[in-house]
Amino acid sequence: MTLKFHLIFFGAVFSGWACCLYLYYSRRSRIKQSERVNNVLFFPVRSGSRDALGTCQKESNVYYLFDVISKATKSIDAAVFAITAREFSKILINAHRRGVVVRILTDNEQQGLSGSQIQQLRRAGIQVRHNSSFYLHHKFVVVDRKCLVTGSLNWTNQALHGNNENVIVSTADDLVQPFDNEFEYLWELYDPLKV
């Protein structure tokens, strides 16, 4: 066999492999792009408003928000000023019972608020820490260290159904990571053994 034949043969084989690898990685990249989530939610949902598909949004933002948090498989790290909506505590307790690590940071003064769900969460075995001075005014949750839920929304019925609030849900790593880092920083800062 000639050198020319070998060059053509191995060139074709290499080109075939290169083409396969290109198709594999470009398809994988497209799949990852389509799995990315960047949604903006407003509360309360206006009666009769519709989403991009034309579906009535009467309560869909509330259900979507609950669904994002409920889908946690590994961890839920929430830094929330106030938690009085029972729906949120049910989601957190159910996740904890499924083996999801649930950690809550909240404001010291707000945990004594009428209707606060903090004691129910503690009784269920969920780890809760609170600040010692100033307000812990954050309103964010990191789900499975991959999904960020943040905005003006406290976890209260008033915020869900009355106030004008906003929430952003994102899986963009450049947004998720700083919030994950902030949670870890505050979790260590408010460790009761160090305070």
N, C-alpha and C. Protein backbone atom coordinates (compact mmCIF):
# COMPACT_ATOMS: atom_id res chain seq x y z
N MET A 1 0.84 -1.17 0.00
CA MET A 1 0.00 0.00 0.00
C MET A 1 0.89 1.24 0.00
N THR A 2 0.38 2.21 -0.64
CA THR A 2 1.18 3.41 -0.81
C THR A 2 0.97 4.38 0.34
N LEU A 3 1.90 5.27 0.46
CA LEU A 3 1.81 6.32 1.48
C LEU A 3 0.58 7.18 1.25
N LYS A 4 0.29 7.46 0.00
CA LYS A 4 -0.86 8.28 -0.34
C LYS A 4 -2.16 7.62 0.17
N PHE A 5 -2.28 6.30 -0.03
CA PHE A 5 -3.46 5.57 0.43
C PHE A 5 -3.59 5.67 1.95
N HIS A 6 -2.49 5.46 2.68
CA HIS A 6 -2.52 5.54 4.14
C HIS A 6 -2.94 6.92 4.62
N LEU A 7 -2.42 7.94 4.00
CA LEU A 7 -2.78 9.30 4.39
C LEU A 7 -4.27 9.56 4.15
N ILE A 8 -4.77 9.11 3.02
CA ILE A 8 -6.19 9.29 2.72
C ILE A 8 -7.03 8.49 3.71
N PHE A 9 -6.65 7.22 3.94
CA PHE A 9 -7.41 6.34 4.82
C PHE A 9 -7.47 6.91 6.26
N PHE A 10 -6.30 7.23 6.82
CA PHE A 10 -6.26 7.74 8.19
C PHE A 10 -6.86 9.13 8.30
N GLY A 11 -6.75 9.91 7.25
CA GLY A 11 -7.39 11.22 7.22
C GLY A 11 -8.90 11.08 7.27
N ALA A 12 -9.43 10.11 6.54
CA ALA A 12 -10.88 9.87 6.55
C ALA A 12 -11.35 9.38 7.91
N VAL A 13 -10.58 8.46 8.51
CA VAL A 13 -10.93 7.95 9.84
C VAL A 13 -10.90 9.07 10.86
N PHE A 14 -9.82 9.85 10.84
CA PHE A 14 -9.70 10.96 11.78
C PHE A 14 -10.83 11.97 11.57
N SER A 15 -11.12 12.29 10.32
CA SER A 15 -12.20 13.24 10.02
C SER A 15 -13.53 12.71 10.52
N GLY A 16 -13.75 11.41 10.36
CA GLY A 16 -14.99 10.80 10.84
C GLY A 16 -15.12 10.92 12.35
N TRP A 17 -14.04 10.62 13.06
CA TRP A 17 -14.06 10.75 14.52
C TRP A 17 -14.24 12.21 14.94
N ALA A 18 -13.54 13.10 14.25
CA ALA A 18 -13.67 14.53 14.57
C ALA A 18 -15.09 14.99 14.35
N CYS A 19 -15.69 14.54 13.27
CA CYS A 19 -17.08 14.92 12.98
C CYS A 19 -18.02 14.38 14.06
N CYS A 20 -17.83 13.12 14.45
CA CYS A 20 -18.67 12.51 15.51
C CYS A 20 -18.52 13.28 16.82
N LEU A 21 -17.28 13.59 17.18
CA LEU A 21 -17.06 14.33 18.42
C LEU A 21 -17.70 15.72 18.36
N TYR A 22 -17.56 16.38 17.21
CA TYR A 22 -18.17 17.70 17.06
C TYR A 22 -19.69 17.61 17.23
N LEU A 23 -20.31 16.65 16.56
CA LEU A 23 -21.77 16.50 16.65
C LEU A 23 -22.20 16.17 18.08
N TYR A 24 -21.45 15.29 18.75
CA TYR A 24 -21.79 14.91 20.12
C TYR A 24 -21.74 16.12 21.05
N TYR A 25 -20.63 16.86 21.01
CA TYR A 25 -20.48 17.99 21.92
C TYR A 25 -21.38 19.16 21.57
N SER A 26 -21.63 19.39 20.29
CA SER A 26 -22.53 20.49 19.94
C SER A 26 -23.95 20.15 20.35
N ARG A 27 -24.37 18.88 20.20
CA ARG A 27 -25.71 18.47 20.63
C ARG A 27 -25.81 18.58 22.15
N ARG A 28 -24.77 18.14 22.84
CA ARG A 28 -24.75 18.21 24.30
C ARG A 28 -24.84 19.66 24.77
N SER A 29 -24.15 20.54 24.08
CA SER A 29 -24.19 21.96 24.41
C SER A 29 -25.60 22.52 24.22
N ARG A 30 -26.25 22.13 23.10
CA ARG A 30 -27.62 22.60 22.86
C ARG A 30 -28.56 22.08 23.94
N ILE A 31 -28.37 20.84 24.38
CA ILE A 31 -29.22 20.28 25.43
C ILE A 31 -29.02 21.08 26.71
N LYS A 32 -27.78 21.35 27.07
CA LYS A 32 -27.52 22.13 28.28
C LYS A 32 -28.15 23.50 28.19
N GLN A 33 -28.06 24.14 27.01
CA GLN A 33 -28.67 25.45 26.84
C GLN A 33 -30.17 25.36 27.08
N SER A 34 -30.81 24.32 26.54
CA SER A 34 -32.26 24.22 26.68
C SER A 34 -32.67 23.88 28.10
N GLU A 35 -31.76 23.28 28.89
CA GLU A 35 -32.07 22.97 30.28
C GLU A 35 -31.91 24.19 31.19
N ARG A 36 -31.27 25.22 30.71
CA ARG A 36 -31.09 26.41 31.52
C ARG A 36 -32.43 27.07 31.78
N VAL A 37 -32.55 27.60 32.99
CA VAL A 37 -33.80 28.25 33.38
C VAL A 37 -33.49 29.69 33.76
N ASN A 38 -34.23 30.61 33.22
CA ASN A 38 -34.19 32.01 33.60
C ASN A 38 -35.61 32.52 33.50
N ASN A 39 -36.31 32.53 34.62
CA ASN A 39 -37.71 32.96 34.65
C ASN A 39 -37.89 34.11 35.62
N VAL A 40 -38.80 35.00 35.27
CA VAL A 40 -39.17 36.11 36.14
C VAL A 40 -40.64 35.94 36.49
N LEU A 41 -40.93 36.01 37.78
CA LEU A 41 -42.30 35.87 38.27
C LEU A 41 -42.71 37.15 39.00
N PHE A 42 -43.96 37.55 38.84
CA PHE A 42 -44.48 38.69 39.57
C PHE A 42 -45.68 38.23 40.40
N PHE A 43 -45.79 38.82 41.57
CA PHE A 43 -46.89 38.52 42.49
C PHE A 43 -47.53 39.83 42.90
N PRO A 44 -48.82 39.88 43.17
CA PRO A 44 -49.75 38.79 42.88
C PRO A 44 -49.97 38.71 41.38
N VAL A 45 -50.38 37.54 40.92
CA VAL A 45 -50.68 37.36 39.51
C VAL A 45 -51.98 38.10 39.22
N ARG A 46 -51.96 38.92 38.17
CA ARG A 46 -53.17 39.67 37.80
C ARG A 46 -54.21 38.72 37.26
N SER A 47 -55.41 38.89 37.66
CA SER A 47 -56.51 38.05 37.19
C SER A 47 -56.59 38.11 35.67
N GLY A 48 -56.62 36.95 35.05
CA GLY A 48 -56.76 36.89 33.60
C GLY A 48 -55.47 37.02 32.83
N SER A 49 -54.33 37.27 33.52
CA SER A 49 -53.07 37.39 32.78
C SER A 49 -52.67 36.01 32.26
N ARG A 50 -51.90 36.00 31.18
CA ARG A 50 -51.54 34.74 30.53
C ARG A 50 -50.04 34.66 30.35
N ASP A 51 -49.54 33.41 30.38
CA ASP A 51 -48.10 33.23 30.16
C ASP A 51 -47.82 33.18 28.66
N ALA A 52 -46.55 32.88 28.29
CA ALA A 52 -46.15 32.89 26.88
C ALA A 52 -46.93 31.88 26.03
N LEU A 53 -47.44 30.81 26.64
CA LEU A 53 -48.20 29.81 25.90
C LEU A 53 -49.69 30.12 25.89
N GLY A 54 -50.08 31.21 26.53
CA GLY A 54 -51.48 31.58 26.58
C GLY A 54 -52.25 30.95 27.72
N THR A 55 -51.52 30.27 28.63
CA THR A 55 -52.16 29.63 29.76
C THR A 55 -52.50 30.67 30.82
N CYS A 56 -53.68 30.56 31.40
CA CYS A 56 -54.07 31.48 32.45
C CYS A 56 -53.13 31.33 33.63
N GLN A 57 -52.64 32.44 34.17
CA GLN A 57 -51.66 32.42 35.25
C GLN A 57 -52.27 32.67 36.62
N LYS A 58 -53.56 32.45 36.79
CA LYS A 58 -54.21 32.80 38.05
C LYS A 58 -53.34 32.45 39.26
N GLU A 59 -52.89 31.21 39.36
CA GLU A 59 -52.02 30.81 40.46
C GLU A 59 -50.75 30.13 39.97
N SER A 60 -50.51 30.15 38.67
CA SER A 60 -49.39 29.37 38.14
C SER A 60 -48.03 29.83 38.67
N ASN A 61 -47.83 31.11 38.95
CA ASN A 61 -46.55 31.56 39.51
C ASN A 61 -46.32 30.96 40.89
N VAL A 62 -47.37 30.90 41.69
CA VAL A 62 -47.25 30.31 43.03
C VAL A 62 -46.89 28.83 42.90
N TYR A 63 -47.62 28.11 42.04
CA TYR A 63 -47.35 26.68 41.87
C TYR A 63 -45.97 26.44 41.29
N TYR A 64 -45.57 27.27 40.35
CA TYR A 64 -44.24 27.13 39.76
C TYR A 64 -43.17 27.32 40.83
N LEU A 65 -43.31 28.34 41.64
CA LEU A 65 -42.36 28.60 42.72
C LEU A 65 -42.28 27.41 43.67
N PHE A 66 -43.43 26.90 44.09
CA PHE A 66 -43.44 25.74 44.98
C PHE A 66 -42.80 24.53 44.31
N ASP A 67 -43.07 24.34 43.02
CA ASP A 67 -42.56 23.20 42.28
C ASP A 67 -41.04 23.23 42.18
N VAL A 68 -40.47 24.40 41.92
CA VAL A 68 -39.02 24.53 41.82
C VAL A 68 -38.35 24.09 43.11
N ILE A 69 -38.88 24.52 44.23
CA ILE A 69 -38.30 24.17 45.53
C ILE A 69 -38.57 22.70 45.85
N SER A 70 -39.76 22.22 45.52
CA SER A 70 -40.14 20.82 45.82
C SER A 70 -39.31 19.80 45.07
N LYS A 71 -38.75 20.20 43.93
CA LYS A 71 -37.99 19.25 43.11
C LYS A 71 -36.58 19.02 43.63
N ALA A 72 -36.21 19.61 44.74
CA ALA A 72 -34.87 19.42 45.29
C ALA A 72 -34.63 17.93 45.56
N THR A 73 -33.43 17.48 45.22
CA THR A 73 -33.06 16.09 45.48
C THR A 73 -31.90 15.97 46.47
N LYS A 74 -31.13 17.06 46.63
CA LYS A 74 -29.96 17.00 47.51
C LYS A 74 -30.01 18.03 48.63
N SER A 75 -30.29 19.29 48.27
CA SER A 75 -30.22 20.34 49.28
C SER A 75 -31.14 21.50 48.98
N ILE A 76 -31.59 22.14 50.06
CA ILE A 76 -32.31 23.40 50.00
C ILE A 76 -31.67 24.30 51.03
N ASP A 77 -31.05 25.38 50.57
CA ASP A 77 -30.42 26.36 51.46
C ASP A 77 -31.18 27.66 51.29
N ALA A 78 -31.96 28.04 52.32
CA ALA A 78 -32.82 29.22 52.22
C ALA A 78 -32.40 30.27 53.23
N ALA A 79 -32.22 31.49 52.75
CA ALA A 79 -31.98 32.65 53.60
C ALA A 79 -33.18 33.57 53.40
N VAL A 80 -34.07 33.58 54.38
CA VAL A 80 -35.36 34.26 54.21
C VAL A 80 -35.67 35.07 55.47
N PHE A 81 -36.04 36.30 55.27
CA PHE A 81 -36.36 37.22 56.36
C PHE A 81 -37.51 36.69 57.22
N ALA A 82 -38.61 36.27 56.59
CA ALA A 82 -39.78 35.80 57.34
C ALA A 82 -40.41 34.60 56.63
N ILE A 83 -40.84 33.61 57.41
CA ILE A 83 -41.53 32.45 56.88
C ILE A 83 -42.81 32.25 57.69
N THR A 84 -43.95 32.65 57.13
CA THR A 84 -45.24 32.42 57.80
C THR A 84 -46.20 31.61 56.92
N ALA A 85 -45.92 31.47 55.64
CA ALA A 85 -46.80 30.70 54.75
C ALA A 85 -46.58 29.21 55.01
N ARG A 86 -47.64 28.53 55.40
CA ARG A 86 -47.54 27.10 55.73
C ARG A 86 -47.11 26.26 54.54
N GLU A 87 -47.47 26.69 53.34
CA GLU A 87 -47.09 25.93 52.15
C GLU A 87 -45.58 25.76 52.06
N PHE A 88 -44.84 26.82 52.38
CA PHE A 88 -43.38 26.72 52.33
C PHE A 88 -42.86 25.75 53.38
N SER A 89 -43.40 25.81 54.60
CA SER A 89 -42.91 24.89 55.62
C SER A 89 -43.24 23.45 55.26
N LYS A 90 -44.41 23.20 54.65
CA LYS A 90 -44.76 21.84 54.22
C LYS A 90 -43.77 21.33 53.18
N ILE A 91 -43.41 22.19 52.23
CA ILE A 91 -42.45 21.80 51.19
C ILE A 91 -41.10 21.45 51.83
N LEU A 92 -40.65 22.28 52.76
CA LEU A 92 -39.36 22.05 53.41
C LEU A 92 -39.37 20.79 54.26
N ILE A 93 -40.44 20.58 55.00
CA ILE A 93 -40.54 19.39 55.85
C ILE A 93 -40.62 18.13 55.00
N ASN A 94 -41.40 18.16 53.92
CA ASN A 94 -41.48 17.00 53.02
C ASN A 94 -40.13 16.69 52.39
N ALA A 95 -39.41 17.72 51.98
CA ALA A 95 -38.08 17.52 51.41
C ALA A 95 -37.15 16.90 52.44
N HIS A 96 -37.19 17.41 53.66
CA HIS A 96 -36.36 16.88 54.76
C HIS A 96 -36.67 15.40 54.98
N ARG A 97 -37.94 15.04 54.96
CA ARG A 97 -38.34 13.63 55.16
C ARG A 97 -37.86 12.74 54.02
N ARG A 98 -37.69 13.31 52.82
CA ARG A 98 -37.18 12.55 51.67
C ARG A 98 -35.66 12.42 51.71
N GLY A 99 -35.02 13.03 52.69
CA GLY A 99 -33.57 12.95 52.79
C GLY A 99 -32.82 14.14 52.22
N VAL A 100 -33.54 15.15 51.78
CA VAL A 100 -32.91 16.38 51.29
C VAL A 100 -32.37 17.16 52.49
N VAL A 101 -31.15 17.65 52.39
CA VAL A 101 -30.58 18.48 53.45
C VAL A 101 -31.20 19.87 53.35
N VAL A 102 -31.92 20.27 54.39
CA VAL A 102 -32.59 21.57 54.40
C VAL A 102 -31.95 22.42 55.49
N ARG A 103 -31.47 23.60 55.11
CA ARG A 103 -30.89 24.54 56.06
C ARG A 103 -31.56 25.90 55.86
N ILE A 104 -31.95 26.51 56.98
CA ILE A 104 -32.67 27.78 56.94
C ILE A 104 -31.89 28.83 57.73
N LEU A 105 -31.71 29.99 57.12
CA LEU A 105 -31.22 31.17 57.81
C LEU A 105 -32.38 32.15 57.86
N THR A 106 -32.65 32.71 59.03
CA THR A 106 -33.76 33.66 59.13
C THR A 106 -33.40 34.78 60.10
N ASP A 107 -34.25 35.78 60.12
CA ASP A 107 -34.03 36.91 61.00
C ASP A 107 -34.46 36.57 62.42
N ASN A 108 -33.65 36.93 63.39
CA ASN A 108 -33.92 36.62 64.79
C ASN A 108 -35.28 37.15 65.24
N GLU A 109 -35.59 38.38 64.91
CA GLU A 109 -36.86 38.98 65.35
C GLU A 109 -38.05 38.36 64.64
N GLN A 110 -37.88 37.97 63.40
CA GLN A 110 -39.00 37.45 62.61
C GLN A 110 -39.41 36.04 63.00
N GLN A 111 -38.50 35.30 63.62
CA GLN A 111 -38.86 33.93 64.00
C GLN A 111 -39.89 33.91 65.13
N GLY A 112 -40.05 35.01 65.84
CA GLY A 112 -41.08 35.10 66.88
C GLY A 112 -42.37 35.73 66.38
N LEU A 113 -42.43 36.05 65.10
CA LEU A 113 -43.60 36.67 64.48
C LEU A 113 -44.81 35.75 64.59
N SER A 114 -45.99 36.34 64.76
CA SER A 114 -47.22 35.56 64.79
C SER A 114 -47.34 34.76 63.49
N GLY A 115 -47.55 33.47 63.61
CA GLY A 115 -47.68 32.61 62.44
C GLY A 115 -46.36 32.11 61.89
N SER A 116 -45.24 32.47 62.52
CA SER A 116 -43.94 32.02 62.05
C SER A 116 -43.88 30.49 62.02
N GLN A 117 -43.30 29.96 60.98
CA GLN A 117 -43.19 28.51 60.81
C GLN A 117 -41.87 27.95 61.33
N ILE A 118 -41.04 28.80 61.89
CA ILE A 118 -39.70 28.38 62.30
C ILE A 118 -39.73 27.26 63.35
N GLN A 119 -40.60 27.36 64.33
CA GLN A 119 -40.64 26.30 65.35
C GLN A 119 -41.09 24.96 64.76
N GLN A 120 -42.04 24.99 63.81
CA GLN A 120 -42.47 23.76 63.15
C GLN A 120 -41.31 23.13 62.38
N LEU A 121 -40.51 23.97 61.74
CA LEU A 121 -39.36 23.48 61.00
C LEU A 121 -38.34 22.85 61.95
N ARG A 122 -38.09 23.51 63.05
CA ARG A 122 -37.15 22.97 64.04
C ARG A 122 -37.65 21.65 64.62
N ARG A 123 -38.94 21.60 64.94
CA ARG A 123 -39.51 20.35 65.49
C ARG A 123 -39.40 19.20 64.49
N ALA A 124 -39.42 19.52 63.22
CA ALA A 124 -39.30 18.49 62.18
C ALA A 124 -37.85 18.04 61.99
N GLY A 125 -36.92 18.71 62.68
CA GLY A 125 -35.51 18.34 62.59
C GLY A 125 -34.71 19.14 61.59
N ILE A 126 -35.29 20.19 61.07
CA ILE A 126 -34.60 21.04 60.09
C ILE A 126 -33.68 22.01 60.81
N GLN A 127 -32.47 22.16 60.29
CA GLN A 127 -31.49 23.07 60.88
C GLN A 127 -31.87 24.52 60.59
N VAL A 128 -31.98 25.31 61.63
CA VAL A 128 -32.32 26.73 61.48
C VAL A 128 -31.30 27.55 62.26
N ARG A 129 -30.76 28.55 61.62
CA ARG A 129 -29.88 29.50 62.30
C ARG A 129 -30.42 30.90 62.05
N HIS A 130 -30.07 31.80 62.97
CA HIS A 130 -30.54 33.18 62.85
C HIS A 130 -29.42 34.14 63.18
N ASN A 131 -29.60 35.37 62.75
CA ASN A 131 -28.62 36.42 62.99
C ASN A 131 -28.69 36.87 64.44
N SER A 132 -27.68 37.62 64.85
CA SER A 132 -27.67 38.13 66.22
C SER A 132 -27.81 39.65 66.27
N SER A 133 -27.55 40.32 65.19
CA SER A 133 -27.71 41.77 65.15
C SER A 133 -28.08 42.19 63.73
N PHE A 134 -28.65 43.37 63.63
CA PHE A 134 -29.16 43.87 62.35
C PHE A 134 -30.17 42.88 61.78
N TYR A 135 -30.70 43.19 60.62
CA TYR A 135 -31.66 42.30 59.98
C TYR A 135 -30.97 41.33 59.04
N LEU A 136 -31.44 40.10 59.03
CA LEU A 136 -31.10 39.20 57.94
C LEU A 136 -32.24 39.39 56.94
N HIS A 137 -32.04 40.25 55.98
CA HIS A 137 -33.11 40.69 55.10
C HIS A 137 -33.09 39.99 53.74
N HIS A 138 -32.25 38.98 53.60
CA HIS A 138 -32.19 38.22 52.35
C HIS A 138 -33.52 37.50 52.09
N LYS A 139 -33.73 37.22 50.80
CA LYS A 139 -34.87 36.42 50.37
C LYS A 139 -34.40 35.59 49.19
N PHE A 140 -33.65 34.53 49.50
CA PHE A 140 -33.19 33.66 48.42
C PHE A 140 -33.10 32.22 48.89
N VAL A 141 -33.17 31.33 47.93
CA VAL A 141 -32.99 29.91 48.20
C VAL A 141 -32.16 29.33 47.06
N VAL A 142 -31.23 28.46 47.42
CA VAL A 142 -30.43 27.74 46.44
C VAL A 142 -30.84 26.27 46.53
N VAL A 143 -31.33 25.75 45.42
CA VAL A 143 -31.82 24.37 45.35
C VAL A 143 -30.77 23.50 44.68
N ASP A 144 -30.33 22.47 45.39
CA ASP A 144 -29.34 21.51 44.86
C ASP A 144 -28.06 22.16 44.37
N ARG A 145 -27.77 23.35 44.87
CA ARG A 145 -26.59 24.12 44.49
C ARG A 145 -26.55 24.41 42.99
N LYS A 146 -27.72 24.31 42.34
CA LYS A 146 -27.80 24.51 40.89
C LYS A 146 -28.85 25.52 40.48
N CYS A 147 -29.80 25.80 41.34
CA CYS A 147 -30.92 26.66 40.97
C CYS A 147 -31.12 27.74 42.03
N LEU A 148 -31.20 28.97 41.58
CA LEU A 148 -31.38 30.12 42.47
C LEU A 148 -32.80 30.65 42.34
N VAL A 149 -33.42 30.90 43.50
CA VAL A 149 -34.72 31.59 43.56
C VAL A 149 -34.49 32.81 44.43
N THR A 150 -34.66 34.01 43.88
CA THR A 150 -34.40 35.22 44.65
C THR A 150 -35.30 36.35 44.18
N GLY A 151 -35.48 37.33 45.02
CA GLY A 151 -36.29 38.50 44.69
C GLY A 151 -36.75 39.18 45.95
N SER A 152 -37.85 39.90 45.85
CA SER A 152 -38.35 40.67 46.99
C SER A 152 -39.29 39.87 47.88
N LEU A 153 -39.66 38.66 47.48
CA LEU A 153 -40.70 37.87 48.12
C LEU A 153 -40.27 37.25 49.45
N ASN A 154 -40.90 37.68 50.55
CA ASN A 154 -40.80 36.93 51.80
C ASN A 154 -41.71 35.72 51.67
N TRP A 155 -41.49 34.72 52.50
CA TRP A 155 -42.29 33.50 52.42
C TRP A 155 -43.52 33.65 53.31
N THR A 156 -44.36 34.60 52.94
CA THR A 156 -45.59 34.89 53.68
C THR A 156 -46.77 34.87 52.72
N ASN A 157 -47.97 34.64 53.26
CA ASN A 157 -49.18 34.68 52.44
C ASN A 157 -49.40 36.07 51.86
N GLN A 158 -49.10 37.10 52.65
CA GLN A 158 -49.24 38.47 52.18
C GLN A 158 -48.38 38.72 50.94
N ALA A 159 -47.16 38.20 50.97
CA ALA A 159 -46.26 38.38 49.83
C ALA A 159 -46.74 37.59 48.62
N LEU A 160 -47.23 36.37 48.83
CA LEU A 160 -47.69 35.53 47.72
C LEU A 160 -48.95 36.05 47.05
N HIS A 161 -49.88 36.58 47.86
CA HIS A 161 -51.20 36.87 47.34
C HIS A 161 -51.62 38.34 47.43
N GLY A 162 -50.81 39.19 48.05
CA GLY A 162 -51.22 40.58 48.21
C GLY A 162 -50.22 41.60 47.72
N ASN A 163 -49.00 41.51 48.20
CA ASN A 163 -47.98 42.51 47.88
C ASN A 163 -47.57 42.46 46.41
N ASN A 164 -47.02 43.54 45.92
CA ASN A 164 -46.36 43.55 44.61
C ASN A 164 -44.93 43.06 44.85
N GLU A 165 -44.64 41.87 44.34
CA GLU A 165 -43.36 41.20 44.58
C GLU A 165 -42.79 40.68 43.27
N ASN A 166 -41.51 40.36 43.30
CA ASN A 166 -40.86 39.75 42.13
C ASN A 166 -39.95 38.62 42.58
N VAL A 167 -39.80 37.66 41.70
CA VAL A 167 -38.91 36.52 41.94
C VAL A 167 -38.21 36.18 40.63
N ILE A 168 -36.94 35.90 40.72
CA ILE A 168 -36.17 35.40 39.58
C ILE A 168 -35.74 33.98 39.90
N VAL A 169 -35.96 33.08 38.95
CA VAL A 169 -35.52 31.69 39.07
C VAL A 169 -34.49 31.47 37.98
N SER A 170 -33.28 31.03 38.36
CA SER A 170 -32.21 30.88 37.38
C SER A 170 -31.31 29.70 37.71
N THR A 171 -30.86 29.04 36.66
CA THR A 171 -29.86 27.99 36.82
C THR A 171 -28.51 28.45 36.26
N ALA A 172 -28.39 29.73 35.95
CA ALA A 172 -27.12 30.27 35.44
C ALA A 172 -26.08 30.23 36.55
N ASP A 173 -25.02 29.48 36.33
CA ASP A 173 -24.00 29.27 37.36
C ASP A 173 -23.40 30.57 37.87
N ASP A 174 -23.24 31.56 36.98
CA ASP A 174 -22.64 32.83 37.41
C ASP A 174 -23.57 33.61 38.34
N LEU A 175 -24.84 33.25 38.42
CA LEU A 175 -25.76 33.83 39.40
C LEU A 175 -25.89 32.93 40.62
N VAL A 176 -25.98 31.63 40.41
CA VAL A 176 -26.18 30.68 41.51
C VAL A 176 -24.98 30.69 42.47
N GLN A 177 -23.78 30.65 41.92
CA GLN A 177 -22.57 30.49 42.75
C GLN A 177 -22.37 31.59 43.80
N PRO A 178 -22.53 32.87 43.47
CA PRO A 178 -22.35 33.88 44.52
C PRO A 178 -23.37 33.75 45.66
N PHE A 179 -24.60 33.36 45.35
CA PHE A 179 -25.60 33.18 46.40
C PHE A 179 -25.28 31.95 47.24
N ASP A 180 -24.79 30.90 46.59
CA ASP A 180 -24.37 29.71 47.32
C ASP A 180 -23.23 30.06 48.27
N ASN A 181 -22.28 30.86 47.79
CA ASN A 181 -21.15 31.30 48.63
C ASN A 181 -21.64 32.16 49.79
N GLU A 182 -22.58 33.07 49.52
CA GLU A 182 -23.12 33.93 50.58
C GLU A 182 -23.82 33.10 51.65
N PHE A 183 -24.59 32.11 51.21
CA PHE A 183 -25.26 31.26 52.19
C PHE A 183 -24.23 30.55 53.07
N GLU A 184 -23.21 29.97 52.47
CA GLU A 184 -22.19 29.25 53.25
C GLU A 184 -21.49 30.19 54.24
N TYR A 185 -21.19 31.40 53.78
CA TYR A 185 -20.56 32.39 54.65
C TYR A 185 -21.44 32.69 55.86
N LEU A 186 -22.72 32.98 55.60
CA LEU A 186 -23.65 33.31 56.70
C LEU A 186 -23.91 32.11 57.60
N TRP A 187 -23.97 30.93 57.01
CA TRP A 187 -24.21 29.71 57.80
C TRP A 187 -23.10 29.55 58.84
N GLU A 188 -21.87 29.76 58.42
CA GLU A 188 -20.74 29.68 59.35
C GLU A 188 -20.75 30.84 60.35
N LEU A 189 -21.06 32.04 59.86
CA LEU A 189 -21.09 33.22 60.71
C LEU A 189 -22.08 33.07 61.86
N TYR A 190 -23.24 32.48 61.57
CA TYR A 190 -24.30 32.33 62.59
C TYR A 190 -24.30 30.97 63.25
N ASP A 191 -23.17 30.28 63.20
CA ASP A 191 -23.06 29.01 63.92
C ASP A 191 -23.17 29.31 65.41
N PRO A 192 -24.17 28.73 66.10
CA PRO A 192 -24.36 29.05 67.52
C PRO A 192 -23.17 28.65 68.40
N LEU A 193 -22.34 27.74 67.94
CA LEU A 193 -21.16 27.37 68.71
C LEU A 193 -20.04 28.39 68.60
N LYS A 194 -20.14 29.27 67.61
CA LYS A 194 -19.10 30.29 67.40
C LYS A 194 -19.54 31.66 67.85
N VAL A 195 -20.83 31.86 68.02
CA VAL A 195 -21.34 33.20 68.34
C VAL A 195 -21.11 33.52 69.80
